[in-house]
Amino acid sequence: VAVAQSEFPQIYPRPGWVEHDPATIWKTQLSTAKRALRLARLSAGDIAAIGITNQRETTLLWDRDTGKPIANAIVWQDRRTADICDLLRREKVDRLIRRKTGLELDAYFSATKIQWLLRHTQGARARARSGRLAFGTVDSWLIWNLTNGQTHITDASNASRTMLFN
């Protein structure tokens, strides 16, 4: 048995905003996994399965054709979508969200982060309309990369924190 860990930097572009570079997430996790294998004197072929744990509300969008992220990941602590939540609350949408998802309307969850990225990232809406845009939490992003873009999945525990899962 072996253990390896690595940190990657938080990005704070404005007060209340917290981001991660998706490419750094991938590179850091891949190098950490390789280090753990080396320490355990194992090869990738010796591994039958892996488990992924992650900050479930962190939101990433990437281009399905290129596999490249279209923006930094918006981290769970980020509060930039609080105004969107306030507007939805005034429109009484919070009740529908609670009934459908079991979650309270909050900027903590992924749905309003996706909305913000679609509004503020050049080309995001066009990619979404054409079916080229993928959304995922960190687990989805890692699996996408581990499978060379062949698998876009998550599990119920991650999906339940997006404010999109019934």
C-alpha atoms as a PDB file:
ATOM      1  CA  VAL A   1       0.000   0.000   0.000  1.00  0.00           C
ATOM      2  CA  ALA A   2       1.202   3.502  -0.797  1.00  0.00           C
ATOM      3  CA  VAL A   3      -0.069   7.036  -0.348  1.00  0.00           C
ATOM      4  CA  ALA A   4       0.699  10.122  -2.429  1.00  0.00           C
ATOM      5  CA  GLN A   5      -0.810  13.577  -2.439  1.00  0.00           C
ATOM      6  CA  SER A   6      -0.317  16.893  -4.193  1.00  0.00           C
ATOM      7  CA  GLU A   7      -1.874  20.292  -3.832  1.00  0.00           C
ATOM      8  CA  PHE A   8      -2.837  22.577  -6.671  1.00  0.00           C
ATOM      9  CA  PRO A   9      -3.359  26.325  -6.479  1.00  0.00           C
ATOM     10  CA  GLN A  10      -6.611  28.120  -5.841  1.00  0.00           C
ATOM     11  CA  ILE A  11      -7.266  31.084  -8.127  1.00  0.00           C
ATOM     12  CA  TYR A  12      -9.002  34.168  -6.693  1.00  0.00           C
ATOM     13  CA  PRO A  13      -9.733  36.512  -9.638  1.00  0.00           C
ATOM     14  CA  ARG A  14     -12.098  38.725  -7.593  1.00  0.00           C
ATOM     15  CA  PRO A  15     -13.405  38.846  -4.027  1.00  0.00           C
ATOM     16  CA  GLY A  16     -15.845  35.960  -3.535  1.00  0.00           C
ATOM     17  CA  TRP A  17     -14.636  34.106  -6.630  1.00  0.00           C
ATOM     18  CA  VAL A  18     -12.676  30.848  -6.396  1.00  0.00           C
ATOM     19  CA  GLU A  19     -11.443  28.909  -9.423  1.00  0.00           C
ATOM     20  CA  HIS A  20      -9.218  25.986 -10.367  1.00  0.00           C
ATOM     21  CA  ASP A  21      -7.433  25.438 -13.656  1.00  0.00           C
ATOM     22  CA  PRO A  22      -8.921  22.181 -15.065  1.00  0.00           C
ATOM     23  CA  ALA A  23      -5.654  21.301 -16.831  1.00  0.00           C
ATOM     24  CA  THR A  24      -3.825  21.610 -13.511  1.00  0.00           C
ATOM     25  CA  ILE A  25      -6.426  19.415 -11.808  1.00  0.00           C
ATOM     26  CA  TRP A  26      -5.855  16.707 -14.417  1.00  0.00           C
ATOM     27  CA  LYS A  27      -2.031  16.957 -14.454  1.00  0.00           C
ATOM     28  CA  THR A  28      -1.828  16.992 -10.659  1.00  0.00           C
ATOM     29  CA  GLN A  29      -4.114  13.997 -10.226  1.00  0.00           C
ATOM     30  CA  LEU A  30      -2.361  11.992 -12.946  1.00  0.00           C
ATOM     31  CA  SER A  31       1.112  12.660 -11.534  1.00  0.00           C
ATOM     32  CA  THR A  32      -0.091  11.844  -8.013  1.00  0.00           C
ATOM     33  CA  ALA A  33      -1.577   8.530  -9.167  1.00  0.00           C
ATOM     34  CA  LYS A  34       1.661   7.675 -10.979  1.00  0.00           C
ATOM     35  CA  ARG A  35       3.664   8.506  -7.855  1.00  0.00           C
ATOM     36  CA  ALA A  36       1.426   6.264  -5.719  1.00  0.00           C
ATOM     37  CA  LEU A  37       1.890   3.411  -8.201  1.00  0.00           C
ATOM     38  CA  ARG A  38       5.659   3.915  -8.170  1.00  0.00           C
ATOM     39  CA  LEU A  39       5.765   3.942  -4.356  1.00  0.00           C
ATOM     40  CA  ALA A  40       3.681   0.756  -4.251  1.00  0.00           C
ATOM     41  CA  ARG A  41       5.866  -0.810  -6.948  1.00  0.00           C
ATOM     42  CA  LEU A  42       2.834  -1.400  -9.163  1.00  0.00           C
ATOM     43  CA  SER A  43       1.994  -0.625 -12.768  1.00  0.00           C
ATOM     44  CA  ALA A  44      -1.275   0.719 -14.143  1.00  0.00           C
ATOM     45  CA  GLY A  45      -2.010  -2.796 -15.425  1.00  0.00           C
ATOM     46  CA  ASP A  46      -2.110  -4.036 -11.829  1.00  0.00           C
ATOM     47  CA  ILE A  47      -5.106  -1.813 -11.044  1.00  0.00           C
ATOM     48  CA  ALA A  48      -8.585  -3.315 -11.474  1.00  0.00           C
ATOM     49  CA  ALA A  49     -10.605  -0.316 -10.257  1.00  0.00           C
ATOM     50  CA  ILE A  50     -10.219   3.155  -8.794  1.00  0.00           C
ATOM     51  CA  GLY A  51     -12.324   5.352  -6.566  1.00  0.00           C
ATOM     52  CA  ILE A  52     -12.622   9.090  -7.067  1.00  0.00           C
ATOM     53  CA  THR A  53     -13.490  11.534  -4.343  1.00  0.00           C
ATOM     54  CA  ASN A  54     -13.910  15.198  -5.134  1.00  0.00           C
ATOM     55  CA  GLN A  55     -15.476  18.506  -4.224  1.00  0.00           C
ATOM     56  CA  ARG A  56     -18.819  17.676  -5.763  1.00  0.00           C
ATOM     57  CA  GLU A  57     -20.155  21.148  -6.529  1.00  0.00           C
ATOM     58  CA  THR A  58     -17.079  22.383  -8.405  1.00  0.00           C
ATOM     59  CA  THR A  59     -18.244  22.996 -11.982  1.00  0.00           C
ATOM     60  CA  LEU A  60     -16.350  22.439 -15.232  1.00  0.00           C
ATOM     61  CA  LEU A  61     -17.324  22.937 -18.871  1.00  0.00           C
ATOM     62  CA  TRP A  62     -15.282  21.541 -21.732  1.00  0.00           C
ATOM     63  CA  ASP A  63     -15.483  21.139 -25.490  1.00  0.00           C
ATOM     64  CA  ARG A  64     -16.367  17.541 -26.391  1.00  0.00           C
ATOM     65  CA  ASP A  65     -14.521  17.757 -29.719  1.00  0.00           C
ATOM     66  CA  THR A  66     -11.221  19.084 -28.396  1.00  0.00           C
ATOM     67  CA  GLY A  67     -11.424  17.854 -24.799  1.00  0.00           C
ATOM     68  CA  LYS A  68     -10.252  21.296 -23.704  1.00  0.00           C
ATOM     69  CA  PRO A  69     -11.882  23.266 -20.879  1.00  0.00           C
ATOM     70  CA  ILE A  70     -13.527  26.496 -22.013  1.00  0.00           C
ATOM     71  CA  ALA A  71     -12.899  28.288 -18.701  1.00  0.00           C
ATOM     72  CA  ASN A  72     -11.507  27.673 -15.270  1.00  0.00           C
ATOM     73  CA  ALA A  73     -13.565  25.462 -12.991  1.00  0.00           C
ATOM     74  CA  ILE A  74     -15.801  27.408 -10.624  1.00  0.00           C
ATOM     75  CA  VAL A  75     -15.156  25.997  -7.151  1.00  0.00           C
ATOM     76  CA  TRP A  76     -17.859  25.163  -4.615  1.00  0.00           C
ATOM     77  CA  GLN A  77     -16.880  28.113  -2.375  1.00  0.00           C
ATOM     78  CA  ASP A  78     -17.381  30.645  -5.187  1.00  0.00           C
ATOM     79  CA  ARG A  79     -20.238  33.127  -4.581  1.00  0.00           C
ATOM     80  CA  ARG A  80     -20.404  34.897  -7.959  1.00  0.00           C
ATOM     81  CA  THR A  81     -23.865  33.474  -8.721  1.00  0.00           C
ATOM     82  CA  ALA A  82     -25.541  34.700  -5.525  1.00  0.00           C
ATOM     83  CA  ASP A  83     -27.378  37.399  -7.535  1.00  0.00           C
ATOM     84  CA  ILE A  84     -28.751  34.748  -9.908  1.00  0.00           C
ATOM     85  CA  CYS A  85     -30.036  32.841  -6.881  1.00  0.00           C
ATOM     86  CA  ASP A  86     -31.628  36.001  -5.471  1.00  0.00           C
ATOM     87  CA  LEU A  87     -33.438  36.599  -8.770  1.00  0.00           C
ATOM     88  CA  LEU A  88     -34.681  32.997  -8.904  1.00  0.00           C
ATOM     89  CA  ARG A  89     -35.867  33.340  -5.302  1.00  0.00           C
ATOM     90  CA  ARG A  90     -37.828  36.490  -6.158  1.00  0.00           C
ATOM     91  CA  GLU A  91     -39.402  34.576  -9.052  1.00  0.00           C
ATOM     92  CA  LYS A  92     -40.315  31.763  -6.582  1.00  0.00           C
ATOM     93  CA  VAL A  93     -38.248  29.210  -8.523  1.00  0.00           C
ATOM     94  CA  ASP A  94     -36.597  28.131  -5.265  1.00  0.00           C
ATOM     95  CA  ARG A  95     -39.721  26.161  -4.353  1.00  0.00           C
ATOM     96  CA  LEU A  96     -39.588  24.177  -7.589  1.00  0.00           C
ATOM     97  CA  ILE A  97     -35.871  23.500  -7.134  1.00  0.00           C
ATOM     98  CA  ARG A  98     -36.404  22.272  -3.572  1.00  0.00           C
ATOM     99  CA  ARG A  99     -39.299  20.043  -4.649  1.00  0.00           C
ATOM    100  CA  LYS A 100     -37.395  18.568  -7.614  1.00  0.00           C
ATOM    101  CA  THR A 101     -33.896  18.250  -6.144  1.00  0.00           C
ATOM    102  CA  GLY A 102     -34.261  18.377  -2.375  1.00  0.00           C
ATOM    103  CA  LEU A 103     -31.730  21.230  -2.305  1.00  0.00           C
ATOM    104  CA  GLU A 104     -32.086  24.799  -1.157  1.00  0.00           C
ATOM    105  CA  LEU A 105     -31.346  27.324  -3.899  1.00  0.00           C
ATOM    106  CA  ASP A 106     -27.762  28.450  -3.333  1.00  0.00           C
ATOM    107  CA  ALA A 107     -24.713  29.570  -5.311  1.00  0.00           C
ATOM    108  CA  TYR A 108     -22.886  26.640  -3.699  1.00  0.00           C
ATOM    109  CA  PHE A 109     -24.399  24.186  -6.215  1.00  0.00           C
ATOM    110  CA  SER A 110     -23.502  23.721  -9.897  1.00  0.00           C
ATOM    111  CA  ALA A 111     -26.616  24.835 -11.811  1.00  0.00           C
ATOM    112  CA  THR A 112     -26.179  28.589 -11.405  1.00  0.00           C
ATOM    113  CA  LYS A 113     -22.450  28.241 -12.056  1.00  0.00           C
ATOM    114  CA  ILE A 114     -23.299  26.645 -15.420  1.00  0.00           C
ATOM    115  CA  GLN A 115     -25.683  29.511 -16.174  1.00  0.00           C
ATOM    116  CA  TRP A 116     -22.986  32.044 -15.317  1.00  0.00           C
ATOM    117  CA  LEU A 117     -20.410  30.293 -17.525  1.00  0.00           C
ATOM    118  CA  LEU A 118     -22.864  30.137 -20.437  1.00  0.00           C
ATOM    119  CA  ARG A 119     -23.480  33.884 -20.131  1.00  0.00           C
ATOM    120  CA  HIS A 120     -19.900  35.009 -19.593  1.00  0.00           C
ATOM    121  CA  THR A 121     -17.657  32.622 -21.543  1.00  0.00           C
ATOM    122  CA  GLN A 122     -17.186  33.450 -25.204  1.00  0.00           C
ATOM    123  CA  GLY A 123     -18.546  30.696 -27.451  1.00  0.00           C
ATOM    124  CA  ALA A 124     -20.113  28.693 -24.617  1.00  0.00           C
ATOM    125  CA  ARG A 125     -23.721  29.053 -25.775  1.00  0.00           C
ATOM    126  CA  ALA A 126     -22.850  28.187 -29.378  1.00  0.00           C
ATOM    127  CA  ARG A 127     -20.999  25.071 -28.230  1.00  0.00           C
ATOM    128  CA  ALA A 128     -23.942  24.111 -26.015  1.00  0.00           C
ATOM    129  CA  ARG A 129     -26.442  24.558 -28.869  1.00  0.00           C
ATOM    130  CA  SER A 130     -24.324  22.384 -31.167  1.00  0.00           C
ATOM    131  CA  GLY A 131     -23.939  19.641 -28.550  1.00  0.00           C
ATOM    132  CA  ARG A 132     -20.200  20.203 -28.218  1.00  0.00           C
ATOM    133  CA  LEU A 133     -20.257  21.453 -24.631  1.00  0.00           C
ATOM    134  CA  ALA A 134     -19.870  19.042 -21.740  1.00  0.00           C
ATOM    135  CA  PHE A 135     -20.581  19.818 -18.089  1.00  0.00           C
ATOM    136  CA  GLY A 136     -19.214  17.850 -15.214  1.00  0.00           C
ATOM    137  CA  THR A 137     -18.055  17.908 -11.667  1.00  0.00           C
ATOM    138  CA  VAL A 138     -14.410  17.041 -11.025  1.00  0.00           C
ATOM    139  CA  ASP A 139     -15.086  13.284 -11.092  1.00  0.00           C
ATOM    140  CA  SER A 140     -16.580  13.556 -14.590  1.00  0.00           C
ATOM    141  CA  TRP A 141     -13.614  15.607 -15.788  1.00  0.00           C
ATOM    142  CA  LEU A 142     -11.105  13.093 -14.445  1.00  0.00           C
ATOM    143  CA  ILE A 143     -12.980  10.108 -15.919  1.00  0.00           C
ATOM    144  CA  TRP A 144     -13.288  11.912 -19.271  1.00  0.00           C
ATOM    145  CA  ASN A 145      -9.513  12.344 -19.307  1.00  0.00           C
ATOM    146  CA  LEU A 146      -8.724   8.849 -17.990  1.00  0.00           C
ATOM    147  CA  THR A 147     -10.789   7.369 -20.846  1.00  0.00           C
ATOM    148  CA  ASN A 148      -9.445   9.726 -23.537  1.00  0.00           C
ATOM    149  CA  GLY A 149     -12.855  11.325 -23.949  1.00  0.00           C
ATOM    150  CA  GLN A 150     -14.736   8.052 -24.323  1.00  0.00           C
ATOM    151  CA  THR A 151     -16.738   8.244 -21.090  1.00  0.00           C
ATOM    152  CA  HIS A 152     -18.787  11.137 -19.718  1.00  0.00           C
ATOM    153  CA  ILE A 153     -20.352   9.912 -16.472  1.00  0.00           C
ATOM    154  CA  THR A 154     -20.886  10.705 -12.833  1.00  0.00           C
ATOM    155  CA  ASP A 155     -22.624   8.981  -9.943  1.00  0.00           C
ATOM    156  CA  ALA A 156     -25.746   9.877  -7.985  1.00  0.00           C
ATOM    157  CA  SER A 157     -23.822  11.393  -5.064  1.00  0.00           C
ATOM    158  CA  ASN A 158     -22.118  13.912  -7.364  1.00  0.00           C
ATOM    159  CA  ALA A 159     -25.187  14.512  -9.528  1.00  0.00           C
ATOM    160  CA  SER A 160     -27.265  15.196  -6.421  1.00  0.00           C
ATOM    161  CA  ARG A 161     -25.117  18.254  -5.650  1.00  0.00           C
ATOM    162  CA  THR A 162     -25.602  19.946  -9.031  1.00  0.00           C
ATOM    163  CA  MET A 163     -29.157  21.232  -8.438  1.00  0.00           C
ATOM    164  CA  LEU A 164     -30.048  19.459 -11.703  1.00  0.00           C
ATOM    165  CA  PHE A 165     -30.735  15.928 -10.433  1.00  0.00           C
ATOM    166  CA  ASN A 166     -34.249  14.826  -9.520  1.00  0.00           C
END
